[in-house]
Amino acid sequence: MQRTLIVNALASEAPQRQITVCGWIRTRRDAKDFSFVEINDGSCLTNMQCIVDAGTAAHEGLGDANTGASVAVTGELVASPGKGQKWEVRAESIRVFGLADPESFPLQKKRHSDEFLRGIAHLRMRTNKYGAAFRIRSEAARAVHDYFHSQHFSWVHTPILTGSDCEGAGEMFQVTTLDLDNLPRTEDGRIDYSKDFFGKETNLTVSGQLNGETFAQAFRNIYTFGPTFRAENSNTTRHAAEFWMIEPEIAFADLSDDMKLAEDMIKF
């Protein structure tokens, strides 16, 4: 099956005699002679409207598929008479890959609160809000890499599991394979970490700085960009238990060089 991304179909310069788009139904509206079905495949926020005429093979294939169902629609890409959309698909055949039970698929074409969406975390990425937020994050992350690459920096991957307390804060998430209900003890009653996987206390990293500094002594300009973890029990808008941090390390540089790098990156 030759499939076309909706983002590419919507950018077409001319009609196409036959096109196949796959996606999830966002809305379905039934009239006497036809149905409007909007599908989205995740390639962009915009939906593709499909016209399904009653009494056709496409309408039979659509069956009872409703919001949330995954489908493949094959038909003609034609100019849309509707406002705000350049193209639509006049369906010739529809294949339903999977139906969505209305009881277990509560997303509707309306605004849902974050509190409601937290209860259906496996579905919230299909909303425009989360779809937009994570697309922005994707573009921002790519821009970070583009900037440092243009400045001849090497991206290094520093350990997530580490025995180092990089910032000396002491608020780290501990990682262990020991049985917490039956911890091995030394003669003085302390936990015997020699029996643990790494043979010593191990934590989730709070920073890749220490490893980054050693790389900078060989590569000159490096950066890390990956997950870091903080175990402070602080429920404020300025605290996150897990976040991705950008950490450049530059050799043969002074404070002015450091400030210029930070400013240039943010402007980029």
Protein backbone atom coordinates (compact mmCIF):
# COMPACT_ATOMS: atom_id res chain seq x y z
CA MET A 1 0.00 0.00 0.00
CA GLN A 2 1.49 3.33 -1.09
CA ARG A 3 0.62 5.77 1.68
CA THR A 4 0.82 9.58 1.63
CA LEU A 5 1.33 11.65 4.75
CA ILE A 6 -1.48 14.12 5.31
CA VAL A 7 1.02 16.97 5.65
CA ASN A 8 2.25 16.18 2.11
CA ALA A 9 -1.26 15.71 0.72
CA LEU A 10 -2.33 19.11 2.06
CA ALA A 11 0.74 20.68 0.42
CA SER A 12 -0.04 19.21 -3.01
CA GLU A 13 0.13 21.58 -5.97
CA ALA A 14 -2.42 19.66 -8.05
CA PRO A 15 -5.25 17.13 -7.64
CA GLN A 16 -4.36 13.46 -7.58
CA ARG A 17 -6.39 10.71 -9.20
CA GLN A 18 -5.75 8.29 -6.36
CA ILE A 19 -4.24 8.72 -2.94
CA THR A 20 -4.22 6.67 0.27
CA VAL A 21 -4.01 8.30 3.68
CA CYS A 22 -3.97 6.43 6.99
CA GLY A 23 -4.89 7.92 10.33
CA TRP A 24 -7.28 8.13 13.24
CA ILE A 25 -10.79 9.51 12.93
CA ARG A 26 -11.13 12.83 14.73
CA THR A 27 -14.78 13.51 13.83
CA ARG A 28 -17.55 11.93 11.82
CA ARG A 29 -20.75 13.66 10.70
CA ASP A 30 -23.42 11.68 8.87
CA ALA A 31 -25.93 13.21 6.44
CA LYS A 32 -28.55 11.50 4.30
CA ASP A 33 -26.41 11.10 1.18
CA PHE A 34 -22.85 11.18 2.52
CA SER A 35 -20.62 11.33 5.59
CA PHE A 36 -17.89 13.81 6.51
CA VAL A 37 -14.95 12.04 8.13
CA GLU A 38 -11.93 13.98 9.37
CA ILE A 39 -8.77 11.96 9.98
CA ASN A 40 -5.38 12.86 11.37
CA ASP A 41 -2.17 10.86 10.99
CA GLY A 42 0.08 12.85 13.33
CA SER A 43 2.21 14.34 10.55
CA CYS A 44 0.64 17.74 11.26
CA LEU A 45 -2.10 19.24 13.40
CA THR A 46 -4.47 19.74 10.45
CA ASN A 47 -7.02 17.04 9.66
CA MET A 48 -7.83 15.68 6.22
CA GLN A 49 -11.54 15.80 5.38
CA CYS A 50 -12.86 12.76 3.55
CA ILE A 51 -16.21 12.65 1.77
CA VAL A 52 -17.85 9.22 1.89
CA ASP A 53 -20.91 8.90 -0.35
CA ALA A 54 -23.76 6.71 0.89
CA GLY A 55 -24.27 3.41 -0.90
CA THR A 56 -20.64 3.13 -2.01
CA ALA A 57 -17.98 0.56 -1.18
CA ALA A 58 -16.25 3.21 0.90
CA HIS A 59 -19.37 3.78 3.01
CA GLU A 60 -19.75 0.05 3.52
CA GLY A 61 -16.10 -0.20 4.52
CA LEU A 62 -16.48 2.68 6.98
CA GLY A 63 -19.30 0.88 8.75
CA ASP A 64 -19.73 2.06 12.36
CA ALA A 65 -16.20 3.45 12.70
CA ASN A 66 -16.26 6.59 14.78
CA THR A 67 -13.95 8.92 16.70
CA GLY A 68 -10.68 7.20 17.58
CA ALA A 69 -10.86 4.42 14.99
CA SER A 70 -7.79 3.83 12.81
CA VAL A 71 -8.47 3.71 9.08
CA ALA A 72 -6.97 3.80 5.62
CA VAL A 73 -8.85 5.93 3.09
CA THR A 74 -8.19 5.60 -0.63
CA GLY A 75 -9.72 8.03 -3.07
CA GLU A 76 -9.29 11.10 -5.23
CA LEU A 77 -7.61 14.23 -3.87
CA VAL A 78 -9.82 17.08 -5.04
CA ALA A 79 -10.14 20.79 -4.35
CA SER A 80 -12.33 21.43 -1.33
CA PRO A 81 -15.21 23.90 -1.58
CA GLY A 82 -15.10 24.35 2.20
CA LYS A 83 -13.51 27.37 3.82
CA GLY A 84 -10.08 27.00 5.40
CA GLN A 85 -9.08 23.84 3.57
CA LYS A 86 -7.47 23.46 0.16
CA TRP A 87 -7.96 19.74 -0.45
CA GLU A 88 -10.22 16.89 0.55
CA VAL A 89 -10.40 13.21 -0.33
CA ARG A 90 -13.43 11.77 -2.09
CA ALA A 91 -13.30 8.25 -0.72
CA GLU A 92 -13.47 5.24 -3.00
CA SER A 93 -12.57 2.59 -0.44
CA ILE A 94 -12.00 2.53 3.31
CA ARG A 95 -10.28 -0.09 5.42
CA VAL A 96 -10.80 -0.04 9.18
CA PHE A 97 -7.78 -1.30 11.11
CA GLY A 98 -9.34 -0.96 14.55
CA LEU A 99 -12.46 0.46 16.17
CA ALA A 100 -12.54 2.61 19.30
CA ASP A 101 -15.07 1.82 22.01
CA PRO A 102 -16.85 5.08 22.94
CA GLU A 103 -16.69 3.97 26.58
CA SER A 104 -12.87 3.77 26.50
CA PHE A 105 -12.25 6.63 24.05
CA PRO A 106 -13.62 9.75 25.74
CA LEU A 107 -11.91 12.39 23.56
CA GLN A 108 -14.36 14.67 21.81
CA LYS A 109 -14.07 17.71 19.54
CA LYS A 110 -13.91 20.15 22.43
CA ARG A 111 -11.47 21.45 25.00
CA HIS A 112 -10.56 18.98 27.75
CA SER A 113 -8.95 20.05 31.01
CA ASP A 114 -5.44 18.91 31.92
CA GLU A 115 -6.88 17.22 34.99
CA PHE A 116 -9.17 15.12 32.79
CA LEU A 117 -6.38 14.30 30.33
CA ARG A 118 -4.06 13.10 33.11
CA GLY A 119 -6.52 10.27 33.64
CA ILE A 120 -6.14 9.15 30.01
CA ALA A 121 -2.41 9.71 29.50
CA HIS A 122 -2.32 7.14 26.69
CA LEU A 123 -4.69 9.28 24.61
CA ARG A 124 -3.82 12.88 25.46
CA MET A 125 -1.17 13.11 22.72
CA ARG A 126 -4.04 13.05 20.23
CA THR A 127 -5.31 16.44 21.47
CA ASN A 128 -4.23 19.63 19.71
CA LYS A 129 -2.78 21.07 22.92
CA TYR A 130 -0.37 18.21 23.57
CA GLY A 131 0.24 17.71 19.88
CA ALA A 132 1.34 21.34 19.60
CA ALA A 133 3.40 21.31 22.80
CA PHE A 134 5.45 18.28 21.85
CA ARG A 135 5.94 19.48 18.28
CA ILE A 136 7.35 22.70 19.73
CA ARG A 137 9.61 20.67 22.01
CA SER A 138 10.79 18.59 19.04
CA GLU A 139 11.62 21.70 17.00
CA ALA A 140 13.37 23.36 19.96
CA ALA A 141 15.49 20.26 20.61
CA ARG A 142 16.44 20.06 16.94
CA ALA A 143 17.41 23.75 17.00
CA VAL A 144 19.67 23.11 20.01
CA HIS A 145 21.53 20.41 18.07
CA ASP A 146 21.63 22.55 14.91
CA TYR A 147 23.18 25.45 16.81
CA PHE A 148 25.92 23.48 18.52
CA HIS A 149 26.68 21.54 15.35
CA SER A 150 27.12 24.84 13.48
CA GLN A 151 29.60 25.93 16.16
CA HIS A 152 31.69 22.73 15.84
CA PHE A 153 30.60 21.22 19.15
CA SER A 154 30.48 17.46 19.67
CA TRP A 155 27.41 15.99 21.37
CA VAL A 156 28.47 13.54 24.08
CA HIS A 157 26.25 11.11 25.96
CA THR A 158 27.00 11.13 29.67
CA PRO A 159 25.84 8.39 32.06
CA ILE A 160 22.31 8.41 33.46
CA LEU A 161 23.35 5.89 36.13
CA THR A 162 26.30 7.25 38.12
CA GLY A 163 28.17 6.99 41.40
CA SER A 164 28.97 10.71 41.33
CA ASP A 165 27.04 13.42 43.14
CA CYS A 166 28.01 16.10 40.65
CA GLU A 167 26.63 19.14 42.47
CA GLY A 168 27.02 17.88 46.00
CA ALA A 169 23.40 18.52 46.82
CA GLY A 170 22.77 15.01 48.08
CA GLU A 171 19.20 14.99 46.75
CA MET A 172 19.53 12.19 44.22
CA PHE A 173 17.33 9.25 43.24
CA GLN A 174 19.03 6.05 44.30
CA VAL A 175 19.17 3.06 41.96
CA THR A 176 19.63 -0.46 43.33
CA THR A 177 19.02 -4.11 42.53
CA LEU A 178 19.11 -5.09 46.21
CA ASP A 179 16.04 -6.67 47.79
CA LEU A 180 14.67 -3.82 49.93
CA ASP A 181 12.86 -6.32 52.16
CA ASN A 182 16.07 -8.22 52.85
CA LEU A 183 19.02 -5.84 52.58
CA PRO A 184 22.51 -7.30 53.05
CA ARG A 185 24.36 -5.73 55.98
CA THR A 186 28.01 -5.27 56.89
CA GLU A 187 29.31 -6.15 60.37
CA ASP A 188 28.63 -2.60 61.59
CA GLY A 189 25.03 -2.75 60.33
CA ARG A 190 25.42 -0.61 57.22
CA ILE A 191 23.99 -1.64 53.86
CA ASP A 192 26.51 -3.81 52.03
CA TYR A 193 26.63 -2.22 48.58
CA SER A 194 29.33 -4.66 47.46
CA LYS A 195 26.42 -7.03 46.87
CA ASP A 196 24.67 -4.50 44.59
CA PHE A 197 24.86 -4.51 40.78
CA PHE A 198 27.68 -1.94 40.54
CA GLY A 199 29.29 -2.81 43.88
CA LYS A 200 28.73 0.71 45.22
CA GLU A 201 26.00 3.28 45.80
CA THR A 202 24.48 4.36 42.47
CA ASN A 203 22.08 7.17 41.59
CA LEU A 204 20.31 8.86 38.70
CA THR A 205 22.44 11.73 37.41
CA VAL A 206 21.79 15.34 38.41
CA SER A 207 24.22 16.64 35.78
CA GLY A 208 26.60 15.46 33.08
CA GLN A 209 29.06 18.22 33.95
CA LEU A 210 31.87 16.09 35.36
CA ASN A 211 31.95 13.81 32.32
CA GLY A 212 31.54 16.82 30.05
CA GLU A 213 34.60 18.49 31.54
CA THR A 214 36.77 15.46 30.79
CA PHE A 215 35.50 15.37 27.21
CA ALA A 216 36.25 19.09 26.81
CA GLN A 217 39.88 18.37 27.68
CA ALA A 218 40.07 16.27 24.50
CA PHE A 219 37.38 17.64 22.16
CA ARG A 220 37.64 21.32 23.20
CA ASN A 221 33.94 22.13 22.63
CA ILE A 222 31.27 19.65 23.69
CA TYR A 223 27.72 19.66 25.00
CA THR A 224 25.44 17.21 26.72
CA PHE A 225 21.69 17.22 26.19
CA GLY A 226 19.83 14.53 28.03
CA PRO A 227 17.71 13.61 31.04
CA THR A 228 18.69 14.68 34.54
CA PHE A 229 16.93 14.02 37.85
CA ARG A 230 16.49 15.92 41.11
CA ALA A 231 14.98 14.31 44.20
CA GLU A 232 14.16 17.49 46.14
CA ASN A 233 10.58 17.13 47.35
CA SER A 234 9.59 20.61 46.21
CA ASN A 235 6.22 20.95 44.52
CA THR A 236 6.73 24.34 42.86
CA THR A 237 6.65 25.63 39.30
CA ARG A 238 10.46 25.93 39.42
CA HIS A 239 11.17 22.31 40.28
CA ALA A 240 11.01 19.20 38.13
CA ALA A 241 11.99 15.70 39.23
CA GLU A 242 13.02 14.85 35.65
CA PHE A 243 14.05 17.24 32.90
CA TRP A 244 16.38 17.51 29.92
CA MET A 245 19.35 19.83 30.44
CA ILE A 246 21.73 21.48 27.95
CA GLU A 247 25.28 21.59 29.31
CA PRO A 248 28.08 22.96 27.11
CA GLU A 249 31.71 22.73 28.18
CA ILE A 250 34.30 24.87 26.36
CA ALA A 251 38.07 24.82 26.71
CA PHE A 252 40.33 27.89 26.29
CA ALA A 253 37.43 30.19 27.18
CA ASP A 254 36.76 32.90 29.75
CA LEU A 255 33.55 34.22 31.27
CA SER A 256 32.87 36.51 28.31
CA ASP A 257 33.10 33.55 25.93
CA ASP A 258 30.70 31.60 28.13
CA MET A 259 28.19 34.47 28.25
CA LYS A 260 28.39 35.00 24.50
CA LEU A 261 27.78 31.29 23.84
CA ALA A 262 24.65 31.28 26.04
CA GLU A 263 23.29 34.46 24.46
CA ASP A 264 23.97 33.33 20.90
CA MET A 265 22.32 29.95 21.50
CA ILE A 266 19.15 31.51 22.91
CA LYS A 267 18.97 33.99 20.02
CA PHE A 268 19.45 31.14 17.54
